[in-house]
PDB file of all heavy atoms in Angstrom:
ATOM      1  N   ALA A   1     -30.893 136.780  25.381  1.00  0.00           N
ATOM      2  CA  ALA A   1     -30.198 135.964  24.385  1.00  0.00           C
ATOM      3  C   ALA A   1     -30.700 134.589  24.437  1.00  0.00           C
ATOM      4  O   ALA A   1     -30.959 133.972  23.383  1.00  0.00           O
ATOM      5  CB  ALA A   1     -28.749 136.203  24.542  1.00  0.00           C
ATOM      6  N   LEU A   2     -30.819 134.059  25.642  1.00  0.00           N
ATOM      7  CA  LEU A   2     -31.190 132.674  25.765  1.00  0.00           C
ATOM      8  C   LEU A   2     -32.636 132.484  25.288  1.00  0.00           C
ATOM      9  O   LEU A   2     -33.049 131.478  24.648  1.00  0.00           O
ATOM     10  CB  LEU A   2     -31.037 132.164  27.273  1.00  0.00           C
ATOM     11  CG  LEU A   2     -29.728 132.122  27.789  1.00  0.00           C
ATOM     12  CD1 LEU A   2     -29.778 131.760  29.341  1.00  0.00           C
ATOM     13  CD2 LEU A   2     -28.876 131.095  27.004  1.00  0.00           C
ATOM     14  N   ALA A   3     -33.458 133.497  25.648  1.00  0.00           N
ATOM     15  CA  ALA A   3     -34.904 133.367  25.236  1.00  0.00           C
ATOM     16  C   ALA A   3     -35.058 133.431  23.647  1.00  0.00           C
ATOM     17  O   ALA A   3     -35.803 132.597  23.004  1.00  0.00           O
ATOM     18  CB  ALA A   3     -35.690 134.586  25.700  1.00  0.00           C
ATOM     19  N   LEU A   4     -34.100 134.263  22.994  1.00  0.00           N
ATOM     20  CA  LEU A   4     -34.144 134.320  21.508  1.00  0.00           C
ATOM     21  C   LEU A   4     -33.578 132.982  20.928  1.00  0.00           C
ATOM     22  O   LEU A   4     -34.155 132.564  19.948  1.00  0.00           O
ATOM     23  CB  LEU A   4     -33.457 135.537  20.978  1.00  0.00           C
ATOM     24  CG  LEU A   4     -33.360 135.730  19.538  1.00  0.00           C
ATOM     25  CD1 LEU A   4     -34.797 135.917  18.974  1.00  0.00           C
ATOM     26  CD2 LEU A   4     -32.565 136.949  19.237  1.00  0.00           C
ATOM     27  N   GLN A   5     -32.568 132.441  21.493  1.00  0.00           N
ATOM     28  CA  GLN A   5     -31.978 131.258  21.116  1.00  0.00           C
ATOM     29  C   GLN A   5     -33.066 130.195  21.008  1.00  0.00           C
ATOM     30  O   GLN A   5     -33.311 129.326  20.002  1.00  0.00           O
ATOM     31  CB  GLN A   5     -30.756 130.817  21.980  1.00  0.00           C
ATOM     32  CG  GLN A   5     -30.199 129.489  21.525  1.00  0.00           C
ATOM     33  CD  GLN A   5     -29.108 129.063  22.409  1.00  0.00           C
ATOM     34  OE1 GLN A   5     -29.157 129.149  23.636  1.00  0.00           O
ATOM     35  NE2 GLN A   5     -28.050 128.604  21.854  1.00  0.00           N
ATOM     36  N   SER A   6     -33.747 130.038  22.203  1.00  0.00           N
ATOM     37  CA  SER A   6     -34.755 128.963  22.322  1.00  0.00           C
ATOM     38  C   SER A   6     -35.835 129.207  21.208  1.00  0.00           C
ATOM     39  O   SER A   6     -36.315 128.273  20.643  1.00  0.00           O
ATOM     40  CB  SER A   6     -35.378 129.103  23.719  1.00  0.00           C
ATOM     41  OG  SER A   6     -36.304 128.035  23.834  1.00  0.00           O
ATOM     42  N   ALA A   7     -36.275 130.508  20.944  1.00  0.00           N
ATOM     43  CA  ALA A   7     -37.278 130.708  20.101  1.00  0.00           C
ATOM     44  C   ALA A   7     -36.844 130.452  18.670  1.00  0.00           C
ATOM     45  O   ALA A   7     -37.711 129.825  17.874  1.00  0.00           O
ATOM     46  CB  ALA A   7     -37.706 132.262  20.114  1.00  0.00           C
ATOM     47  N   LEU A   8     -35.736 130.785  18.326  1.00  0.00           N
ATOM     48  CA  LEU A   8     -35.270 130.511  16.978  1.00  0.00           C
ATOM     49  C   LEU A   8     -35.095 129.079  16.649  1.00  0.00           C
ATOM     50  O   LEU A   8     -35.486 128.564  15.584  1.00  0.00           O
ATOM     51  CB  LEU A   8     -33.763 131.238  16.756  1.00  0.00           C
ATOM     52  CG  LEU A   8     -33.806 132.684  16.555  1.00  0.00           C
ATOM     53  CD1 LEU A   8     -32.320 133.286  16.522  1.00  0.00           C
ATOM     54  CD2 LEU A   8     -34.369 132.997  15.020  1.00  0.00           C
ATOM     55  N   GLU A   9     -34.675 128.253  17.705  1.00  0.00           N
ATOM     56  CA  GLU A   9     -34.564 126.746  17.516  1.00  0.00           C
ATOM     57  C   GLU A   9     -35.817 126.120  17.487  1.00  0.00           C
ATOM     58  O   GLU A   9     -36.087 125.023  16.833  1.00  0.00           O
ATOM     59  CB  GLU A   9     -33.583 126.301  18.583  1.00  0.00           C
ATOM     60  CG  GLU A   9     -32.017 126.782  18.219  1.00  0.00           C
ATOM     61  CD  GLU A   9     -31.017 126.202  19.200  1.00  0.00           C
ATOM     62  OE1 GLU A   9     -31.369 125.535  20.126  1.00  0.00           O
ATOM     63  OE2 GLU A   9     -29.892 126.354  18.844  1.00  0.00           O
ATOM     64  N   ASN A  10     -36.752 126.515  18.332  1.00  0.00           N
ATOM     65  CA  ASN A  10     -38.036 125.848  18.548  1.00  0.00           C
ATOM     66  C   ASN A  10     -39.112 126.299  17.530  1.00  0.00           C
ATOM     67  O   ASN A  10     -39.841 125.437  17.072  1.00  0.00           O
ATOM     68  CB  ASN A  10     -38.596 126.065  20.028  1.00  0.00           C
ATOM     69  CG  ASN A  10     -37.724 125.349  21.056  1.00  0.00           C
ATOM     70  OD1 ASN A  10     -36.942 124.421  20.662  1.00  0.00           O
ATOM     71  ND2 ASN A  10     -37.752 125.917  22.194  1.00  0.00           N
ATOM     72  N   HIS A  11     -39.159 127.576  17.131  1.00  0.00           N
ATOM     73  CA  HIS A  11     -40.254 128.067  16.280  1.00  0.00           C
ATOM     74  C   HIS A  11     -39.756 127.959  14.837  1.00  0.00           C
ATOM     75  O   HIS A  11     -40.639 127.550  14.051  1.00  0.00           O
ATOM     76  CB  HIS A  11     -40.553 129.596  16.548  1.00  0.00           C
ATOM     77  CG  HIS A  11     -41.138 129.854  17.863  1.00  0.00           C
ATOM     78  ND1 HIS A  11     -42.283 129.176  18.287  1.00  0.00           N
ATOM     79  CD2 HIS A  11     -40.825 130.755  18.841  1.00  0.00           C
ATOM     80  CE1 HIS A  11     -42.726 129.704  19.493  1.00  0.00           C
ATOM     81  NE2 HIS A  11     -41.914 130.511  19.813  1.00  0.00           N
ATOM     82  N   VAL A  12     -38.551 128.170  14.525  1.00  0.00           N
ATOM     83  CA  VAL A  12     -38.148 128.213  13.064  1.00  0.00           C
ATOM     84  C   VAL A  12     -36.981 127.107  12.678  1.00  0.00           C
ATOM     85  O   VAL A  12     -36.511 127.141  11.636  1.00  0.00           O
ATOM     86  CB  VAL A  12     -37.852 129.590  12.479  1.00  0.00           C
ATOM     87  CG1 VAL A  12     -39.152 130.409  12.484  1.00  0.00           C
ATOM     88  CG2 VAL A  12     -36.744 130.257  13.439  1.00  0.00           C
ATOM     89  N   ASN A  13     -36.608 126.494  13.721  1.00  0.00           N
ATOM     90  CA  ASN A  13     -35.501 125.433  13.492  1.00  0.00           C
ATOM     91  C   ASN A  13     -34.244 125.921  12.913  1.00  0.00           C
ATOM     92  O   ASN A  13     -33.705 125.304  11.989  1.00  0.00           O
ATOM     93  CB  ASN A  13     -36.285 124.251  12.644  1.00  0.00           C
ATOM     94  CG  ASN A  13     -35.479 122.931  12.664  1.00  0.00           C
ATOM     95  OD1 ASN A  13     -34.802 122.665  13.721  1.00  0.00           O
ATOM     96  ND2 ASN A  13     -35.446 122.340  11.554  1.00  0.00           N
ATOM     97  N   ILE A  14     -33.744 127.004  13.517  1.00  0.00           N
ATOM     98  CA  ILE A  14     -32.554 127.491  12.973  1.00  0.00           C
ATOM     99  C   ILE A  14     -31.471 127.324  14.080  1.00  0.00           C
ATOM    100  O   ILE A  14     -31.614 127.689  15.117  1.00  0.00           O
ATOM    101  CB  ILE A  14     -32.569 129.033  12.604  1.00  0.00           C
ATOM    102  CG1 ILE A  14     -33.530 129.344  11.470  1.00  0.00           C
ATOM    103  CG2 ILE A  14     -31.102 129.696  12.309  1.00  0.00           C
ATOM    104  CD1 ILE A  14     -33.782 130.820  11.229  1.00  0.00           C
ATOM    105  N   PRO A  15     -30.246 126.697  13.694  1.00  0.00           N
ATOM    106  CA  PRO A  15     -29.157 126.532  14.603  1.00  0.00           C
ATOM    107  C   PRO A  15     -28.560 127.877  15.161  1.00  0.00           C
ATOM    108  O   PRO A  15     -28.320 128.743  14.402  1.00  0.00           O
ATOM    109  CB  PRO A  15     -28.032 125.598  13.939  1.00  0.00           C
ATOM    110  CG  PRO A  15     -28.384 125.998  12.445  1.00  0.00           C
ATOM    111  CD  PRO A  15     -29.846 126.107  12.355  1.00  0.00           C
ATOM    112  N   THR A  16     -28.395 127.886  16.443  1.00  0.00           N
ATOM    113  CA  THR A  16     -28.065 129.141  16.992  1.00  0.00           C
ATOM    114  C   THR A  16     -27.059 128.980  18.213  1.00  0.00           C
ATOM    115  O   THR A  16     -27.044 127.874  18.805  1.00  0.00           O
ATOM    116  CB  THR A  16     -29.358 129.893  17.693  1.00  0.00           C
ATOM    117  OG1 THR A  16     -30.299 129.874  16.740  1.00  0.00           O
ATOM    118  CG2 THR A  16     -29.059 131.326  18.176  1.00  0.00           C
ATOM    119  N   ARG A  17     -26.198 130.007  18.301  1.00  0.00           N
ATOM    120  CA  ARG A  17     -25.184 129.907  19.517  1.00  0.00           C
ATOM    121  C   ARG A  17     -25.215 131.211  20.241  1.00  0.00           C
ATOM    122  O   ARG A  17     -25.157 132.390  19.518  1.00  0.00           O
ATOM    123  CB  ARG A  17     -23.750 129.682  18.902  1.00  0.00           C
ATOM    124  CG  ARG A  17     -23.628 128.284  18.196  1.00  0.00           C
ATOM    125  CD  ARG A  17     -23.665 127.191  19.129  1.00  0.00           C
ATOM    126  NE  ARG A  17     -23.340 125.864  18.644  1.00  0.00           N
ATOM    127  CZ  ARG A  17     -24.308 125.085  17.914  1.00  0.00           C
ATOM    128  NH1 ARG A  17     -25.464 125.480  17.900  1.00  0.00           N
ATOM    129  NH2 ARG A  17     -23.882 123.928  17.352  1.00  0.00           N
ATOM    130  N   VAL A  18     -25.240 131.176  21.451  1.00  0.00           N
ATOM    131  CA  VAL A  18     -25.125 132.317  22.416  1.00  0.00           C
ATOM    132  C   VAL A  18     -23.596 132.423  22.755  1.00  0.00           C
ATOM    133  O   VAL A  18     -23.077 131.500  23.462  1.00  0.00           O
ATOM    134  CB  VAL A  18     -25.968 132.231  23.576  1.00  0.00           C
ATOM    135  CG1 VAL A  18     -25.733 133.469  24.533  1.00  0.00           C
ATOM    136  CG2 VAL A  18     -27.455 132.278  23.119  1.00  0.00           C
ATOM    137  N   LEU A  19     -23.001 133.581  22.606  1.00  0.00           N
ATOM    138  CA  LEU A  19     -21.611 133.921  23.030  1.00  0.00           C
ATOM    139  C   LEU A  19     -21.652 135.079  23.934  1.00  0.00           C
ATOM    140  O   LEU A  19     -22.081 136.072  23.565  1.00  0.00           O
ATOM    141  CB  LEU A  19     -20.730 134.213  21.763  1.00  0.00           C
ATOM    142  CG  LEU A  19     -19.988 132.967  21.088  1.00  0.00           C
ATOM    143  CD1 LEU A  19     -21.057 132.066  20.367  1.00  0.00           C
ATOM    144  CD2 LEU A  19     -18.936 133.548  19.968  1.00  0.00           C
ATOM    145  N   SER A  20     -21.198 134.828  25.129  1.00  0.00           N
ATOM    146  CA  SER A  20     -21.322 135.811  26.079  1.00  0.00           C
ATOM    147  C   SER A  20     -19.908 136.493  26.483  1.00  0.00           C
ATOM    148  O   SER A  20     -18.935 135.883  26.565  1.00  0.00           O
ATOM    149  CB  SER A  20     -21.865 135.281  27.381  1.00  0.00           C
ATOM    150  OG  SER A  20     -21.798 136.229  28.486  1.00  0.00           O
ATOM    151  N   ALA A  21     -19.859 137.755  26.580  1.00  0.00           N
ATOM    152  CA  ALA A  21     -18.728 138.525  26.881  1.00  0.00           C
ATOM    153  C   ALA A  21     -18.439 138.311  28.406  1.00  0.00           C
ATOM    154  O   ALA A  21     -17.269 138.592  28.855  1.00  0.00           O
ATOM    155  CB  ALA A  21     -18.923 140.096  26.574  1.00  0.00           C
ATOM    156  N   ILE A  22     -19.393 137.916  29.195  1.00  0.00           N
ATOM    157  CA  ILE A  22     -19.137 137.616  30.619  1.00  0.00           C
ATOM    158  C   ILE A  22     -19.267 136.043  30.583  1.00  0.00           C
ATOM    159  O   ILE A  22     -20.290 135.473  30.234  1.00  0.00           O
ATOM    160  CB  ILE A  22     -20.274 138.233  31.544  1.00  0.00           C
ATOM    161  CG1 ILE A  22     -20.177 139.781  31.474  1.00  0.00           C
ATOM    162  CG2 ILE A  22     -20.107 137.733  33.000  1.00  0.00           C
ATOM    163  CD1 ILE A  22     -21.292 140.360  32.169  1.00  0.00           C
ATOM    164  N   GLU A  23     -18.192 135.515  31.145  1.00  0.00           N
ATOM    165  CA  GLU A  23     -18.178 134.031  31.028  1.00  0.00           C
ATOM    166  C   GLU A  23     -19.138 133.272  31.953  1.00  0.00           C
ATOM    167  O   GLU A  23     -19.201 133.545  33.232  1.00  0.00           O
ATOM    168  CB  GLU A  23     -16.703 133.535  31.374  1.00  0.00           C
ATOM    169  CG  GLU A  23     -16.257 132.237  30.670  1.00  0.00           C
ATOM    170  CD  GLU A  23     -14.820 132.022  30.753  1.00  0.00           C
ATOM    171  OE1 GLU A  23     -13.994 132.771  30.096  1.00  0.00           O
ATOM    172  OE2 GLU A  23     -14.415 130.969  31.382  1.00  0.00           O
ATOM    173  N   MET A  24     -19.943 132.383  31.361  1.00  0.00           N
ATOM    174  CA  MET A  24     -20.836 131.645  32.106  1.00  0.00           C
ATOM    175  C   MET A  24     -21.090 130.278  31.318  1.00  0.00           C
ATOM    176  O   MET A  24     -21.986 130.142  30.569  1.00  0.00           O
ATOM    177  CB  MET A  24     -22.179 132.404  32.453  1.00  0.00           C
ATOM    178  CG  MET A  24     -22.730 133.199  31.400  1.00  0.00           C
ATOM    179  SD  MET A  24     -24.170 134.141  32.013  1.00  0.00           S
ATOM    180  CE  MET A  24     -23.488 135.450  32.829  1.00  0.00           C
ATOM    181  N   ARG A  25     -20.102 129.394  31.445  1.00  0.00           N
ATOM    182  CA  ARG A  25     -19.891 128.334  30.543  1.00  0.00           C
ATOM    183  C   ARG A  25     -21.125 127.330  30.551  1.00  0.00           C
ATOM    184  O   ARG A  25     -21.411 126.553  29.640  1.00  0.00           O
ATOM    185  CB  ARG A  25     -18.616 127.525  30.976  1.00  0.00           C
ATOM    186  CG  ARG A  25     -17.377 128.196  30.596  1.00  0.00           C
ATOM    187  CD  ARG A  25     -16.133 127.544  30.888  1.00  0.00           C
ATOM    188  NE  ARG A  25     -14.968 128.189  30.687  1.00  0.00           N
ATOM    189  CZ  ARG A  25     -14.452 128.093  29.344  1.00  0.00           C
ATOM    190  NH1 ARG A  25     -14.891 127.329  28.519  1.00  0.00           N
ATOM    191  NH2 ARG A  25     -13.280 128.888  29.218  1.00  0.00           N
ATOM    192  N   GLN A  26     -21.932 127.328  31.608  1.00  0.00           N
ATOM    193  CA  GLN A  26     -23.054 126.233  31.771  1.00  0.00           C
ATOM    194  C   GLN A  26     -24.165 126.748  30.696  1.00  0.00           C
ATOM    195  O   GLN A  26     -24.891 125.859  30.269  1.00  0.00           O
ATOM    196  CB  GLN A  26     -23.624 126.265  33.137  1.00  0.00           C
ATOM    197  CG  GLN A  26     -22.795 125.530  34.056  1.00  0.00           C
ATOM    198  CD  GLN A  26     -21.692 126.432  34.828  1.00  0.00           C
ATOM    199  OE1 GLN A  26     -21.492 127.436  34.327  1.00  0.00           O
ATOM    200  NE2 GLN A  26     -21.258 125.980  35.912  1.00  0.00           N
ATOM    201  N   ILE A  27     -24.239 128.076  30.354  1.00  0.00           N
ATOM    202  CA  ILE A  27     -25.433 128.386  29.516  1.00  0.00           C
ATOM    203  C   ILE A  27     -24.921 129.085  28.259  1.00  0.00           C
ATOM    204  O   ILE A  27     -25.807 129.203  27.272  1.00  0.00           O
ATOM    205  CB  ILE A  27     -26.274 129.368  30.329  1.00  0.00           C
ATOM    206  CG1 ILE A  27     -25.589 130.580  30.795  1.00  0.00           C
ATOM    207  CG2 ILE A  27     -26.994 128.663  31.437  1.00  0.00           C
ATOM    208  CD1 ILE A  27     -26.448 131.744  31.527  1.00  0.00           C
ATOM    209  N   ALA A  28     -23.643 129.512  28.090  1.00  0.00           N
ATOM    210  CA  ALA A  28     -23.319 130.115  26.898  1.00  0.00           C
ATOM    211  C   ALA A  28     -21.707 129.920  26.648  1.00  0.00           C
ATOM    212  O   ALA A  28     -21.002 129.798  27.659  1.00  0.00           O
ATOM    213  CB  ALA A  28     -23.612 131.752  27.016  1.00  0.00           C
ATOM    214  N   GLU A  29     -21.453 130.082  25.414  1.00  0.00           N
ATOM    215  CA  GLU A  29     -19.955 129.944  25.089  1.00  0.00           C
ATOM    216  C   GLU A  29     -19.307 131.315  25.340  1.00  0.00           C
ATOM    217  O   GLU A  29     -19.903 132.247  25.244  1.00  0.00           O
ATOM    218  CB  GLU A  29     -19.753 129.607  23.514  1.00  0.00           C
ATOM    219  CG  GLU A  29     -20.217 128.370  23.150  1.00  0.00           C
ATOM    220  CD  GLU A  29     -20.080 128.106  21.635  1.00  0.00           C
ATOM    221  OE1 GLU A  29     -19.233 128.597  21.068  1.00  0.00           O
ATOM    222  OE2 GLU A  29     -20.944 127.211  21.106  1.00  0.00           O
ATOM    223  N   PRO A  30     -18.046 131.247  25.815  1.00  0.00           N
ATOM    224  CA  PRO A  30     -17.343 132.534  26.027  1.00  0.00           C
ATOM    225  C   PRO A  30     -17.086 133.251  24.600  1.00  0.00           C
ATOM    226  O   PRO A  30     -16.935 132.603  23.591  1.00  0.00           O
ATOM    227  CB  PRO A  30     -15.978 132.221  26.579  1.00  0.00           C
ATOM    228  CG  PRO A  30     -15.781 130.719  26.237  1.00  0.00           C
ATOM    229  CD  PRO A  30     -17.135 130.180  26.091  1.00  0.00           C
TER     230      PRO A  30
END
């Protein structure tokens, strides 16, 4: 998910959010 987020924002400039079912606040929203 983090790899795809980075690709979408860097390659095609689309705002993206990662929401994780397992909480890890430093890298994704719950």
